[in-house]
Amino acid sequence: MIIGVVALIVVGPERFPGMIKKVGYWVGQFRRIASSVKSEIQVEVDKAEQLQNLLDEQKQILKRNADVDLTQPAVKPKSSLEADSSAQASEKLPANESSSIANTASQSETQNKSS
């Protein structure tokens, strides 16, 4: 109020309304710029929070998977799977059964040759 009265005395009653209009214009411009900057800052802060959340999730995933050996393949190659399964199959059979299977196979081969 005091500033308005001093401005009225200094500027004069003829130019006072024009000056008030210019001051109002610049105050409005300043508020729009401040609002724009504030909204841009809020957008960047939101992006930073999202990035921080993603980083936290990745850290948790890495902690859970820390005991996984990444140098080993997740799936064995086919040839090693077949070799392992045949070796396991022969290990599971008792000794007398594996020899009888071998004898049966050799007998069928002998019969095929003689025919």
PDB file of N, CA and C in Angstrom:
ATOM      1  N   MET A   1       0.823  -1.173   0.000  1.00  0.00           N
ATOM      2  CA  MET A   1       0.000   0.000   0.000  1.00  0.00           C
ATOM      3  C   MET A   1       0.878   1.253   0.000  1.00  0.00           C
ATOM      4  N   ILE A   2       1.917   1.214   0.844  1.00  0.00           N
ATOM      5  CA  ILE A   2       2.816   2.372   0.928  1.00  0.00           C
ATOM      6  C   ILE A   2       3.548   2.545  -0.401  1.00  0.00           C
ATOM      7  N   ILE A   3       3.963   1.454  -1.025  1.00  0.00           N
ATOM      8  CA  ILE A   3       4.680   1.529  -2.306  1.00  0.00           C
ATOM      9  C   ILE A   3       3.758   2.134  -3.372  1.00  0.00           C
ATOM     10  N   GLY A   4       2.492   1.745  -3.366  1.00  0.00           N
ATOM     11  CA  GLY A   4       1.524   2.287  -4.329  1.00  0.00           C
ATOM     12  C   GLY A   4       1.342   3.782  -4.176  1.00  0.00           C
ATOM     13  N   VAL A   5       1.258   4.267  -2.929  1.00  0.00           N
ATOM     14  CA  VAL A   5       1.086   5.703  -2.676  1.00  0.00           C
ATOM     15  C   VAL A   5       2.329   6.460  -3.119  1.00  0.00           C
ATOM     16  N   VAL A   6       3.519   5.934  -2.818  1.00  0.00           N
ATOM     17  CA  VAL A   6       4.769   6.603  -3.223  1.00  0.00           C
ATOM     18  C   VAL A   6       4.861   6.634  -4.744  1.00  0.00           C
ATOM     19  N   ALA A   7       4.504   5.506  -5.425  1.00  0.00           N
ATOM     20  CA  ALA A   7       4.549   5.466  -6.890  1.00  0.00           C
ATOM     21  C   ALA A   7       3.574   6.480  -7.485  1.00  0.00           C
ATOM     22  N   LEU A   8       2.400   6.622  -6.894  1.00  0.00           N
ATOM     23  CA  LEU A   8       1.415   7.598  -7.378  1.00  0.00           C
ATOM     24  C   LEU A   8       1.966   9.017  -7.272  1.00  0.00           C
ATOM     25  N   ILE A   9       2.655   9.312  -6.198  1.00  0.00           N
ATOM     26  CA  ILE A   9       3.216  10.656  -6.009  1.00  0.00           C
ATOM     27  C   ILE A   9       4.374  10.884  -6.981  1.00  0.00           C
ATOM     28  N   VAL A  10       5.250   9.868  -7.146  1.00  0.00           N
ATOM     29  CA  VAL A  10       6.444  10.041  -7.995  1.00  0.00           C
ATOM     30  C   VAL A  10       6.059  10.083  -9.469  1.00  0.00           C
ATOM     31  N   VAL A  11       5.252   9.154  -9.925  1.00  0.00           N
ATOM     32  CA  VAL A  11       4.919   9.034 -11.346  1.00  0.00           C
ATOM     33  C   VAL A  11       3.860  10.058 -11.739  1.00  0.00           C
ATOM     34  N   GLY A  12       2.913  10.298 -10.893  1.00  0.00           N
ATOM     35  CA  GLY A  12       1.834  11.244 -11.210  1.00  0.00           C
ATOM     36  C   GLY A  12       0.579  10.481 -11.571  1.00  0.00           C
ATOM     37  N   PRO A  13      -0.539  11.152 -11.390  1.00  0.00           N
ATOM     38  CA  PRO A  13      -1.821  10.471 -11.640  1.00  0.00           C
ATOM     39  C   PRO A  13      -2.075  10.149 -13.117  1.00  0.00           C
ATOM     40  N   GLU A  14      -1.431  10.877 -14.047  1.00  0.00           N
ATOM     41  CA  GLU A  14      -1.670  10.600 -15.463  1.00  0.00           C
ATOM     42  C   GLU A  14      -1.004   9.294 -15.936  1.00  0.00           C
ATOM     43  N   ARG A  15       0.221   9.027 -15.501  1.00  0.00           N
ATOM     44  CA  ARG A  15       0.963   7.848 -15.963  1.00  0.00           C
ATOM     45  C   ARG A  15       0.826   6.663 -15.009  1.00  0.00           C
ATOM     46  N   PHE A  16       0.217   6.841 -13.878  1.00  0.00           N
ATOM     47  CA  PHE A  16       0.099   5.781 -12.874  1.00  0.00           C
ATOM     48  C   PHE A  16      -0.670   4.557 -13.402  1.00  0.00           C
ATOM     49  N   PRO A  17      -1.824   4.701 -14.068  1.00  0.00           N
ATOM     50  CA  PRO A  17      -2.526   3.509 -14.576  1.00  0.00           C
ATOM     51  C   PRO A  17      -1.705   2.707 -15.602  1.00  0.00           C
ATOM     52  N   GLY A  18      -0.970   3.355 -16.471  1.00  0.00           N
ATOM     53  CA  GLY A  18      -0.111   2.662 -17.454  1.00  0.00           C
ATOM     54  C   GLY A  18       1.011   1.884 -16.768  1.00  0.00           C
ATOM     55  N   MET A  19       1.578   2.519 -15.724  1.00  0.00           N
ATOM     56  CA  MET A  19       2.648   1.858 -14.980  1.00  0.00           C
ATOM     57  C   MET A  19       2.115   0.623 -14.251  1.00  0.00           C
ATOM     58  N   ILE A  20       0.932   0.724 -13.669  1.00  0.00           N
ATOM     59  CA  ILE A  20       0.328  -0.417 -12.966  1.00  0.00           C
ATOM     60  C   ILE A  20       0.069  -1.562 -13.962  1.00  0.00           C
ATOM     61  N   LYS A  21      -0.370  -1.198 -15.164  1.00  0.00           N
ATOM     62  CA  LYS A  21      -0.625  -2.210 -16.196  1.00  0.00           C
ATOM     63  C   LYS A  21       0.672  -2.936 -16.574  1.00  0.00           C
ATOM     64  N   LYS A  22       1.771  -2.189 -16.761  1.00  0.00           N
ATOM     65  CA  LYS A  22       3.060  -2.794 -17.090  1.00  0.00           C
ATOM     66  C   LYS A  22       3.569  -3.667 -15.944  1.00  0.00           C
ATOM     67  N   VAL A  23       3.426  -3.187 -14.722  1.00  0.00           N
ATOM     68  CA  VAL A  23       3.859  -3.979 -13.565  1.00  0.00           C
ATOM     69  C   VAL A  23       3.044  -5.275 -13.491  1.00  0.00           C
ATOM     70  N   GLY A  24       1.763  -5.197 -13.720  1.00  0.00           N
ATOM     71  CA  GLY A  24       0.912  -6.392 -13.716  1.00  0.00           C
ATOM     72  C   GLY A  24       1.314  -7.384 -14.800  1.00  0.00           C
ATOM     73  N   TYR A  25       1.647  -6.839 -16.000  1.00  0.00           N
ATOM     74  CA  TYR A  25       2.090  -7.692 -17.098  1.00  0.00           C
ATOM     75  C   TYR A  25       3.362  -8.446 -16.719  1.00  0.00           C
ATOM     76  N   TRP A  26       4.365  -7.709 -16.156  1.00  0.00           N
ATOM     77  CA  TRP A  26       5.640  -8.352 -15.805  1.00  0.00           C
ATOM     78  C   TRP A  26       5.495  -9.325 -14.642  1.00  0.00           C
ATOM     79  N   VAL A  27       4.624  -9.031 -13.710  1.00  0.00           N
ATOM     80  CA  VAL A  27       4.374  -9.972 -12.609  1.00  0.00           C
ATOM     81  C   VAL A  27       3.743 -11.248 -13.165  1.00  0.00           C
ATOM     82  N   GLY A  28       2.808 -11.119 -14.097  1.00  0.00           N
ATOM     83  CA  GLY A  28       2.186 -12.285 -14.735  1.00  0.00           C
ATOM     84  C   GLY A  28       3.199 -13.116 -15.513  1.00  0.00           C
ATOM     85  N   GLN A  29       4.081 -12.414 -16.266  1.00  0.00           N
ATOM     86  CA  GLN A  29       5.127 -13.128 -17.006  1.00  0.00           C
ATOM     87  C   GLN A  29       6.043 -13.890 -16.052  1.00  0.00           C
ATOM     88  N   PHE A  30       6.418 -13.253 -14.960  1.00  0.00           N
ATOM     89  CA  PHE A  30       7.292 -13.895 -13.978  1.00  0.00           C
ATOM     90  C   PHE A  30       6.616 -15.124 -13.383  1.00  0.00           C
ATOM     91  N   ARG A  31       5.327 -15.035 -13.076  1.00  0.00           N
ATOM     92  CA  ARG A  31       4.601 -16.179 -12.504  1.00  0.00           C
ATOM     93  C   ARG A  31       4.507 -17.333 -13.508  1.00  0.00           C
ATOM     94  N   ARG A  32       4.257 -17.015 -14.787  1.00  0.00           N
ATOM     95  CA  ARG A  32       4.177 -18.071 -15.801  1.00  0.00           C
ATOM     96  C   ARG A  32       5.527 -18.779 -15.961  1.00  0.00           C
ATOM     97  N   ILE A  33       6.587 -18.000 -15.992  1.00  0.00           N
ATOM     98  CA  ILE A  33       7.926 -18.588 -16.123  1.00  0.00           C
ATOM     99  C   ILE A  33       8.248 -19.445 -14.901  1.00  0.00           C
ATOM    100  N   ALA A  34       7.930 -18.938 -13.727  1.00  0.00           N
ATOM    101  CA  ALA A  34       8.199 -19.692 -12.494  1.00  0.00           C
ATOM    102  C   ALA A  34       7.389 -20.983 -12.473  1.00  0.00           C
ATOM    103  N   SER A  35       6.137 -20.918 -12.918  1.00  0.00           N
ATOM    104  CA  SER A  35       5.298 -22.114 -12.954  1.00  0.00           C
ATOM    105  C   SER A  35       5.849 -23.132 -13.951  1.00  0.00           C
ATOM    106  N   SER A  36       6.295 -22.655 -15.105  1.00  0.00           N
ATOM    107  CA  SER A  36       6.863 -23.538 -16.118  1.00  0.00           C
ATOM    108  C   SER A  36       8.126 -24.231 -15.611  1.00  0.00           C
ATOM    109  N   VAL A  37       8.998 -23.449 -14.987  1.00  0.00           N
ATOM    110  CA  VAL A  37      10.236 -24.020 -14.438  1.00  0.00           C
ATOM    111  C   VAL A  37       9.908 -25.027 -13.345  1.00  0.00           C
ATOM    112  N   LYS A  38       8.952 -24.707 -12.504  1.00  0.00           N
ATOM    113  CA  LYS A  38       8.564 -25.613 -11.418  1.00  0.00           C
ATOM    114  C   LYS A  38       8.037 -26.933 -11.975  1.00  0.00           C
ATOM    115  N   SER A  39       7.196 -26.874 -13.015  1.00  0.00           N
ATOM    116  CA  SER A  39       6.650 -28.111 -13.587  1.00  0.00           C
ATOM    117  C   SER A  39       7.746 -28.931 -14.264  1.00  0.00           C
ATOM    118  N   GLU A  40       8.691 -28.288 -14.941  1.00  0.00           N
ATOM    119  CA  GLU A  40       9.801 -29.006 -15.569  1.00  0.00           C
ATOM    120  C   GLU A  40      10.682 -29.683 -14.516  1.00  0.00           C
ATOM    121  N   ILE A  41      10.918 -28.981 -13.434  1.00  0.00           N
ATOM    122  CA  ILE A  41      11.715 -29.571 -12.358  1.00  0.00           C
ATOM    123  C   ILE A  41      10.993 -30.775 -11.769  1.00  0.00           C
ATOM    124  N   GLN A  42       9.675 -30.684 -11.592  1.00  0.00           N
ATOM    125  CA  GLN A  42       8.898 -31.801 -11.043  1.00  0.00           C
ATOM    126  C   GLN A  42       8.956 -33.018 -11.970  1.00  0.00           C
ATOM    127  N   VAL A  43       8.883 -32.772 -13.283  1.00  0.00           N
ATOM    128  CA  VAL A  43       8.975 -33.873 -14.249  1.00  0.00           C
ATOM    129  C   VAL A  43      10.332 -34.564 -14.124  1.00  0.00           C
ATOM    130  N   GLU A  44      11.399 -33.782 -14.028  1.00  0.00           N
ATOM    131  CA  GLU A  44      12.739 -34.361 -13.911  1.00  0.00           C
ATOM    132  C   GLU A  44      12.913 -35.118 -12.593  1.00  0.00           C
ATOM    133  N   VAL A  45      12.335 -34.596 -11.525  1.00  0.00           N
ATOM    134  CA  VAL A  45      12.407 -35.286 -10.236  1.00  0.00           C
ATOM    135  C   VAL A  45      11.674 -36.624 -10.310  1.00  0.00           C
ATOM    136  N   ASP A  46      10.520 -36.646 -10.981  1.00  0.00           N
ATOM    137  CA  ASP A  46       9.772 -37.891 -11.153  1.00  0.00           C
ATOM    138  C   ASP A  46      10.573 -38.904 -11.963  1.00  0.00           C
ATOM    139  N   LYS A  47      11.239 -38.438 -13.020  1.00  0.00           N
ATOM    140  CA  LYS A  47      12.075 -39.325 -13.822  1.00  0.00           C
ATOM    141  C   LYS A  47      13.223 -39.882 -12.985  1.00  0.00           C
ATOM    142  N   ALA A  48      13.828 -39.045 -12.173  1.00  0.00           N
ATOM    143  CA  ALA A  48      14.936 -39.486 -11.328  1.00  0.00           C
ATOM    144  C   ALA A  48      14.460 -40.526 -10.313  1.00  0.00           C
ATOM    145  N   GLU A  49      13.259 -40.347  -9.766  1.00  0.00           N
ATOM    146  CA  GLU A  49      12.716 -41.325  -8.823  1.00  0.00           C
ATOM    147  C   GLU A  49      12.448 -42.656  -9.513  1.00  0.00           C
ATOM    148  N   GLN A  50      11.914 -42.607 -10.736  1.00  0.00           N
ATOM    149  CA  GLN A  50      11.676 -43.842 -11.486  1.00  0.00           C
ATOM    150  C   GLN A  50      12.985 -44.557 -11.774  1.00  0.00           C
ATOM    151  N   LEU A  51      14.005 -43.813 -12.145  1.00  0.00           N
ATOM    152  CA  LEU A  51      15.310 -44.399 -12.411  1.00  0.00           C
ATOM    153  C   LEU A  51      15.889 -45.021 -11.151  1.00  0.00           C
ATOM    154  N   GLN A  52      15.741 -44.346 -10.028  1.00  0.00           N
ATOM    155  CA  GLN A  52      16.237 -44.884  -8.762  1.00  0.00           C
ATOM    156  C   GLN A  52      15.499 -46.171  -8.406  1.00  0.00           C
ATOM    157  N   ASN A  53      14.194 -46.223  -8.636  1.00  0.00           N
ATOM    158  CA  ASN A  53      13.426 -47.440  -8.365  1.00  0.00           C
ATOM    159  C   ASN A  53      13.901 -48.589  -9.244  1.00  0.00           C
ATOM    160  N   LEU A  54      14.179 -48.307 -10.529  1.00  0.00           N
ATOM    161  CA  LEU A  54      14.688 -49.343 -11.418  1.00  0.00           C
ATOM    162  C   LEU A  54      16.045 -49.854 -10.958  1.00  0.00           C
ATOM    163  N   LEU A  55      16.900 -48.941 -10.532  1.00  0.00           N
ATOM    164  CA  LEU A  55      18.215 -49.344 -10.040  1.00  0.00           C
ATOM    165  C   LEU A  55      18.093 -50.199  -8.777  1.00  0.00           C
ATOM    166  N   ASP A  56      17.182 -49.841  -7.896  1.00  0.00           N
ATOM    167  CA  ASP A  56      16.965 -50.631  -6.683  1.00  0.00           C
ATOM    168  C   ASP A  56      16.468 -52.035  -7.022  1.00  0.00           C
ATOM    169  N   GLU A  57      15.552 -52.124  -8.004  1.00  0.00           N
ATOM    170  CA  GLU A  57      15.051 -53.433  -8.427  1.00  0.00           C
ATOM    171  C   GLU A  57      16.169 -54.274  -9.018  1.00  0.00           C
ATOM    172  N   GLN A  58      17.035 -53.663  -9.815  1.00  0.00           N
ATOM    173  CA  GLN A  58      18.150 -54.396 -10.410  1.00  0.00           C
ATOM    174  C   GLN A  58      19.112 -54.883  -9.335  1.00  0.00           C
ATOM    175  N   LYS A  59      19.355 -54.070  -8.320  1.00  0.00           N
ATOM    176  CA  LYS A  59      20.226 -54.500  -7.230  1.00  0.00           C
ATOM    177  C   LYS A  59      19.637 -55.688  -6.500  1.00  0.00           C
ATOM    178  N   GLN A  60      18.324 -55.672  -6.282  1.00  0.00           N
ATOM    179  CA  GLN A  60      17.673 -56.800  -5.618  1.00  0.00           C
ATOM    180  C   GLN A  60      17.766 -58.057  -6.469  1.00  0.00           C
ATOM    181  N   ILE A  61      17.581 -57.919  -7.767  1.00  0.00           N
ATOM    182  CA  ILE A  61      17.686 -59.075  -8.662  1.00  0.00           C
ATOM    183  C   ILE A  61      19.109 -59.620  -8.645  1.00  0.00           C
ATOM    184  N   LEU A  62      20.093 -58.740  -8.676  1.00  0.00           N
ATOM    185  CA  LEU A  62      21.480 -59.184  -8.637  1.00  0.00           C
ATOM    186  C   LEU A  62      21.806 -59.891  -7.327  1.00  0.00           C
ATOM    187  N   LYS A  63      21.251 -59.404  -6.220  1.00  0.00           N
ATOM    188  CA  LYS A  63      21.484 -60.060  -4.935  1.00  0.00           C
ATOM    189  C   LYS A  63      20.881 -61.457  -4.923  1.00  0.00           C
ATOM    190  N   ARG A  64      19.655 -61.597  -5.492  1.00  0.00           N
ATOM    191  CA  ARG A  64      19.001 -62.907  -5.536  1.00  0.00           C
ATOM    192  C   ARG A  64      19.753 -63.876  -6.431  1.00  0.00           C
ATOM    193  N   ASN A  65      20.345 -63.369  -7.495  1.00  0.00           N
ATOM    194  CA  ASN A  65      21.015 -64.234  -8.461  1.00  0.00           C
ATOM    195  C   ASN A  65      22.524 -64.268  -8.275  1.00  0.00           C
ATOM    196  N   ALA A  66      23.014 -63.810  -7.148  1.00  0.00           N
ATOM    197  CA  ALA A  66      24.453 -63.760  -6.922  1.00  0.00           C
ATOM    198  C   ALA A  66      25.067 -65.150  -6.888  1.00  0.00           C
ATOM    199  N   ASP A  67      24.317 -66.160  -6.457  1.00  0.00           N
ATOM    200  CA  ASP A  67      24.864 -67.496  -6.357  1.00  0.00           C
ATOM    201  C   ASP A  67      24.813 -68.270  -7.672  1.00  0.00           C
ATOM    202  N   VAL A  68      24.229 -67.703  -8.708  1.00  0.00           N
ATOM    203  CA  VAL A  68      24.158 -68.358 -10.008  1.00  0.00           C
ATOM    204  C   VAL A  68      25.491 -68.187 -10.708  1.00  0.00           C
ATOM    205  N   ASP A  69      26.027 -69.314 -11.199  1.00  0.00           N
ATOM    206  CA  ASP A  69      27.299 -69.279 -11.912  1.00  0.00           C
ATOM    207  C   ASP A  69      27.031 -68.957 -13.373  1.00  0.00           C
ATOM    208  N   LEU A  70      27.358 -67.753 -13.786  1.00  0.00           N
ATOM    209  CA  LEU A  70      27.060 -67.302 -15.132  1.00  0.00           C
ATOM    210  C   LEU A  70      28.046 -67.834 -16.164  1.00  0.00           C
ATOM    211  N   THR A  71      29.149 -68.449 -15.722  1.00  0.00           N
ATOM    212  CA  THR A  71      30.110 -68.987 -16.673  1.00  0.00           C
ATOM    213  C   THR A  71      29.652 -70.329 -17.222  1.00  0.00           C
ATOM    214  N   GLN A  72      28.753 -71.011 -16.531  1.00  0.00           N
ATOM    215  CA  GLN A  72      28.235 -72.297 -16.991  1.00  0.00           C
ATOM    216  C   GLN A  72      27.001 -72.071 -17.846  1.00  0.00           C
ATOM    217  N   PRO A  73      26.834 -72.873 -18.903  1.00  0.00           N
ATOM    218  CA  PRO A  73      25.622 -72.720 -19.719  1.00  0.00           C
ATOM    219  C   PRO A  73      24.390 -73.139 -18.928  1.00  0.00           C
ATOM    220  N   ALA A  74      23.280 -72.487 -19.206  1.00  0.00           N
ATOM    221  CA  ALA A  74      22.041 -72.788 -18.495  1.00  0.00           C
ATOM    222  C   ALA A  74      21.504 -74.151 -18.894  1.00  0.00           C
ATOM    223  N   VAL A  75      21.726 -74.557 -20.145  1.00  0.00           N
ATOM    224  CA  VAL A  75      21.257 -75.849 -20.652  1.00  0.00           C
ATOM    225  C   VAL A  75      22.453 -76.572 -21.235  1.00  0.00           C
ATOM    226  N   LYS A  76      22.580 -77.866 -20.911  1.00  0.00           N
ATOM    227  CA  LYS A  76      23.690 -78.639 -21.458  1.00  0.00           C
ATOM    228  C   LYS A  76      23.454 -78.872 -22.942  1.00  0.00           C
ATOM    229  N   PRO A  77      24.527 -78.931 -23.728  1.00  0.00           N
ATOM    230  CA  PRO A  77      24.374 -79.257 -25.146  1.00  0.00           C
ATOM    231  C   PRO A  77      23.772 -80.644 -25.310  1.00  0.00           C
ATOM    232  N   LYS A  78      23.121 -80.924 -26.444  1.00  0.00           N
ATOM    233  CA  LYS A  78      22.417 -82.176 -26.672  1.00  0.00           C
ATOM    234  C   LYS A  78      23.341 -83.381 -26.566  1.00  0.00           C
ATOM    235  N   SER A  79      24.514 -83.305 -27.172  1.00  0.00           N
ATOM    236  CA  SER A  79      25.415 -84.456 -27.184  1.00  0.00           C
ATOM    237  C   SER A  79      25.836 -84.839 -25.775  1.00  0.00           C
ATOM    238  N   SER A  80      26.072 -83.880 -24.925  1.00  0.00           N
ATOM    239  CA  SER A  80      26.477 -84.210 -23.559  1.00  0.00           C
ATOM    240  C   SER A  80      25.289 -84.745 -22.769  1.00  0.00           C
ATOM    241  N   LEU A  81      24.078 -84.297 -23.096  1.00  0.00           N
ATOM    242  CA  LEU A  81      22.886 -84.829 -22.430  1.00  0.00           C
ATOM    243  C   LEU A  81      22.696 -86.298 -22.783  1.00  0.00           C
ATOM    244  N   GLU A  82      22.879 -86.647 -24.063  1.00  0.00           N
ATOM    245  CA  GLU A  82      22.720 -88.038 -24.475  1.00  0.00           C
ATOM    246  C   GLU A  82      23.786 -88.912 -23.828  1.00  0.00           C
ATOM    247  N   ALA A  83      25.025 -88.430 -23.775  1.00  0.00           N
ATOM    248  CA  ALA A  83      26.098 -89.201 -23.162  1.00  0.00           C
ATOM    249  C   ALA A  83      25.838 -89.383 -21.675  1.00  0.00           C
ATOM    250  N   ASP A  84      25.385 -88.324 -21.010  1.00  0.00           N
ATOM    251  CA  ASP A  84      25.090 -88.409 -19.588  1.00  0.00           C
ATOM    252  C   ASP A  84      23.940 -89.374 -19.321  1.00  0.00           C
ATOM    253  N   SER A  85      22.894 -89.336 -20.158  1.00  0.00           N
ATOM    254  CA  SER A  85      21.735 -90.196 -19.923  1.00  0.00           C
ATOM    255  C   SER A  85      22.095 -91.653 -20.159  1.00  0.00           C
ATOM    256  N   SER A  86      22.931 -91.956 -21.157  1.00  0.00           N
ATOM    257  CA  SER A  86      23.325 -93.345 -21.386  1.00  0.00           C
ATOM    258  C   SER A  86      24.239 -93.827 -20.264  1.00  0.00           C
ATOM    259  N   ALA A  87      25.101 -92.944 -19.776  1.00  0.00           N
ATOM    260  CA  ALA A  87      25.980 -93.328 -18.668  1.00  0.00           C
ATOM    261  C   ALA A  87      25.166 -93.548 -17.408  1.00  0.00           C
ATOM    262  N   GLN A  88      24.171 -92.709 -17.167  1.00  0.00           N
ATOM    263  CA  GLN A  88      23.325 -92.870 -15.988  1.00  0.00           C
ATOM    264  C   GLN A  88      22.479 -94.124 -16.097  1.00  0.00           C
ATOM    265  N   ALA A  89      22.025 -94.440 -17.291  1.00  0.00           N
ATOM    266  CA  ALA A  89      21.194 -95.629 -17.480  1.00  0.00           C
ATOM    267  C   ALA A  89      22.008 -96.885 -17.186  1.00  0.00           C
ATOM    268  N   SER A  90      23.260 -96.923 -17.629  1.00  0.00           N
ATOM    269  CA  SER A  90      24.077 -98.105 -17.373  1.00  0.00           C
ATOM    270  C   SER A  90      24.475 -98.183 -15.899  1.00  0.00           C
ATOM    271  N   GLU A  91      24.585 -97.044 -15.243  1.00  0.00           N
ATOM    272  CA  GLU A  91      24.906 -97.049 -13.817  1.00  0.00           C
ATOM    273  C   GLU A  91      23.734 -97.541 -12.990  1.00  0.00           C
ATOM    274  N   LYS A  92      22.515 -97.267 -13.440  1.00  0.00           N
ATOM    275  CA  LYS A  92      21.328 -97.661 -12.692  1.00  0.00           C
ATOM    276  C   LYS A  92      21.062 -99.157 -12.766  1.00  0.00           C
ATOM    277  N   LEU A  93      21.484 -99.817 -13.851  1.00  0.00           N
ATOM    278  CA  LEU A  93      21.227-101.242 -14.003  1.00  0.00           C
ATOM    279  C   LEU A  93      22.176-102.044 -13.129  1.00  0.00           C
ATOM    280  N   PRO A  94      21.690-103.097 -12.496  1.00  0.00           N
ATOM    281  CA  PRO A  94      22.595-103.980 -11.758  1.00  0.00           C
ATOM    282  C   PRO A  94      23.544-104.668 -12.731  1.00  0.00           C
ATOM    283  N   ALA A  95      24.626-105.157 -12.207  1.00  0.00           N
ATOM    284  CA  ALA A  95      25.683-105.742 -13.036  1.00  0.00           C
ATOM    285  C   ALA A  95      25.159-106.930 -13.833  1.00  0.00           C
ATOM    286  N   ASN A  96      24.363-107.803 -13.240  1.00  0.00           N
ATOM    287  CA  ASN A  96      23.899-108.979 -13.976  1.00  0.00           C
ATOM    288  C   ASN A  96      22.926-108.594 -15.080  1.00  0.00           C
ATOM    289  N   GLU A  97      22.131-107.554 -14.908  1.00  0.00           N
ATOM    290  CA  GLU A  97      21.191-107.127 -15.949  1.00  0.00           C
ATOM    291  C   GLU A  97      21.932-106.497 -17.111  1.00  0.00           C
ATOM    292  N   SER A  98      22.968-105.689 -16.821  1.00  0.00           N
ATOM    293  CA  SER A  98      23.696-105.055 -17.914  1.00  0.00           C
ATOM    294  C   SER A  98      24.432-106.089 -18.746  1.00  0.00           C
ATOM    295  N   SER A  99      24.945-107.139 -18.105  1.00  0.00           N
ATOM    296  CA  SER A  99      25.637-108.176 -18.880  1.00  0.00           C
ATOM    297  C   SER A  99      24.637-108.998 -19.679  1.00  0.00           C
ATOM    298  N   SER A 100      23.432-109.217 -19.134  1.00  0.00           N
ATOM    299  CA  SER A 100      22.431-109.976 -19.883  1.00  0.00           C
ATOM    300  C   SER A 100      21.939-109.174 -21.074  1.00  0.00           C
ATOM    301  N   ILE A 101      21.850-107.861 -20.930  1.00  0.00           N
ATOM    302  CA  ILE A 101      21.454-107.014 -22.057  1.00  0.00           C
ATOM    303  C   ILE A 101      22.524-107.074 -23.134  1.00  0.00           C
ATOM    304  N   ALA A 102      23.769-107.029 -22.718  1.00  0.00           N
ATOM    305  CA  ALA A 102      24.868-107.105 -23.680  1.00  0.00           C
ATOM    306  C   ALA A 102      24.863-108.461 -24.382  1.00  0.00           C
ATOM    307  N   ASN A 103      24.612-109.551 -23.636  1.00  0.00           N
ATOM    308  CA  ASN A 103      24.564-110.893 -24.238  1.00  0.00           C
ATOM    309  C   ASN A 103      23.420-110.999 -25.220  1.00  0.00           C
ATOM    310  N   THR A 104      22.257-110.430 -24.869  1.00  0.00           N
ATOM    311  CA  THR A 104      21.100-110.473 -25.760  1.00  0.00           C
ATOM    312  C   THR A 104      21.391-109.710 -27.042  1.00  0.00           C
ATOM    313  N   ALA A 105      22.050-108.569 -26.916  1.00  0.00           N
ATOM    314  CA  ALA A 105      22.394-107.774 -28.087  1.00  0.00           C
ATOM    315  C   ALA A 105      23.372-108.524 -28.977  1.00  0.00           C
ATOM    316  N   SER A 106      24.370-109.198 -28.396  1.00  0.00           N
ATOM    317  CA  SER A 106      25.340-109.924 -29.211  1.00  0.00           C
ATOM    318  C   SER A 106      24.699-111.147 -29.852  1.00  0.00           C
ATOM    319  N   GLN A 107      23.752-111.802 -29.168  1.00  0.00           N
ATOM    320  CA  GLN A 107      23.064-112.967 -29.744  1.00  0.00           C
ATOM    321  C   GLN A 107      22.211-112.529 -30.938  1.00  0.00           C
ATOM    322  N   SER A 108      21.532-111.378 -30.836  1.00  0.00           N
ATOM    323  CA  SER A 108      20.705-110.931 -31.944  1.00  0.00           C
ATOM    324  C   SER A 108      21.583-110.525 -33.126  1.00  0.00           C
ATOM    325  N   GLU A 109      22.762-110.000 -32.886  1.00  0.00           N
ATOM    326  CA  GLU A 109      23.678-109.663 -33.950  1.00  0.00           C
ATOM    327  C   GLU A 109      24.169-110.927 -34.656  1.00  0.00           C
ATOM    328  N   THR A 110      24.428-111.971 -33.889  1.00  0.00           N
ATOM    329  CA  THR A 110      24.904-113.238 -34.442  1.00  0.00           C
ATOM    330  C   THR A 110      23.825-113.856 -35.309  1.00  0.00           C
ATOM    331  N   GLN A 111      22.587-113.779 -34.829  1.00  0.00           N
ATOM    332  CA  GLN A 111      21.481-114.340 -35.613  1.00  0.00           C
ATOM    333  C   GLN A 111      21.273-113.571 -36.911  1.00  0.00           C
ATOM    334  N   ASN A 112      21.427-112.265 -36.867  1.00  0.00           N
ATOM    335  CA  ASN A 112      21.276-111.444 -38.058  1.00  0.00           C
ATOM    336  C   ASN A 112      22.355-111.757 -39.092  1.00  0.00           C
ATOM    337  N   LYS A 113      23.566-112.046 -38.642  1.00  0.00           N
ATOM    338  CA  LYS A 113      24.666-112.374 -39.555  1.00  0.00           C
ATOM    339  C   LYS A 113      24.451-113.715 -40.219  1.00  0.00           C
ATOM    340  N   SER A 114      23.956-114.683 -39.423  1.00  0.00           N
ATOM    341  CA  SER A 114      23.760-116.025 -39.982  1.00  0.00           C
ATOM    342  C   SER A 114      22.585-116.071 -40.945  1.00  0.00           C
ATOM    343  N   SER A 115      21.637-115.178 -40.828  1.00  0.00           N
ATOM    344  CA  SER A 115      20.479-115.182 -41.724  1.00  0.00           C
ATOM    345  C   SER A 115      20.821-114.562 -43.010  1.00  0.00           C
TER     346      SER A 115
END
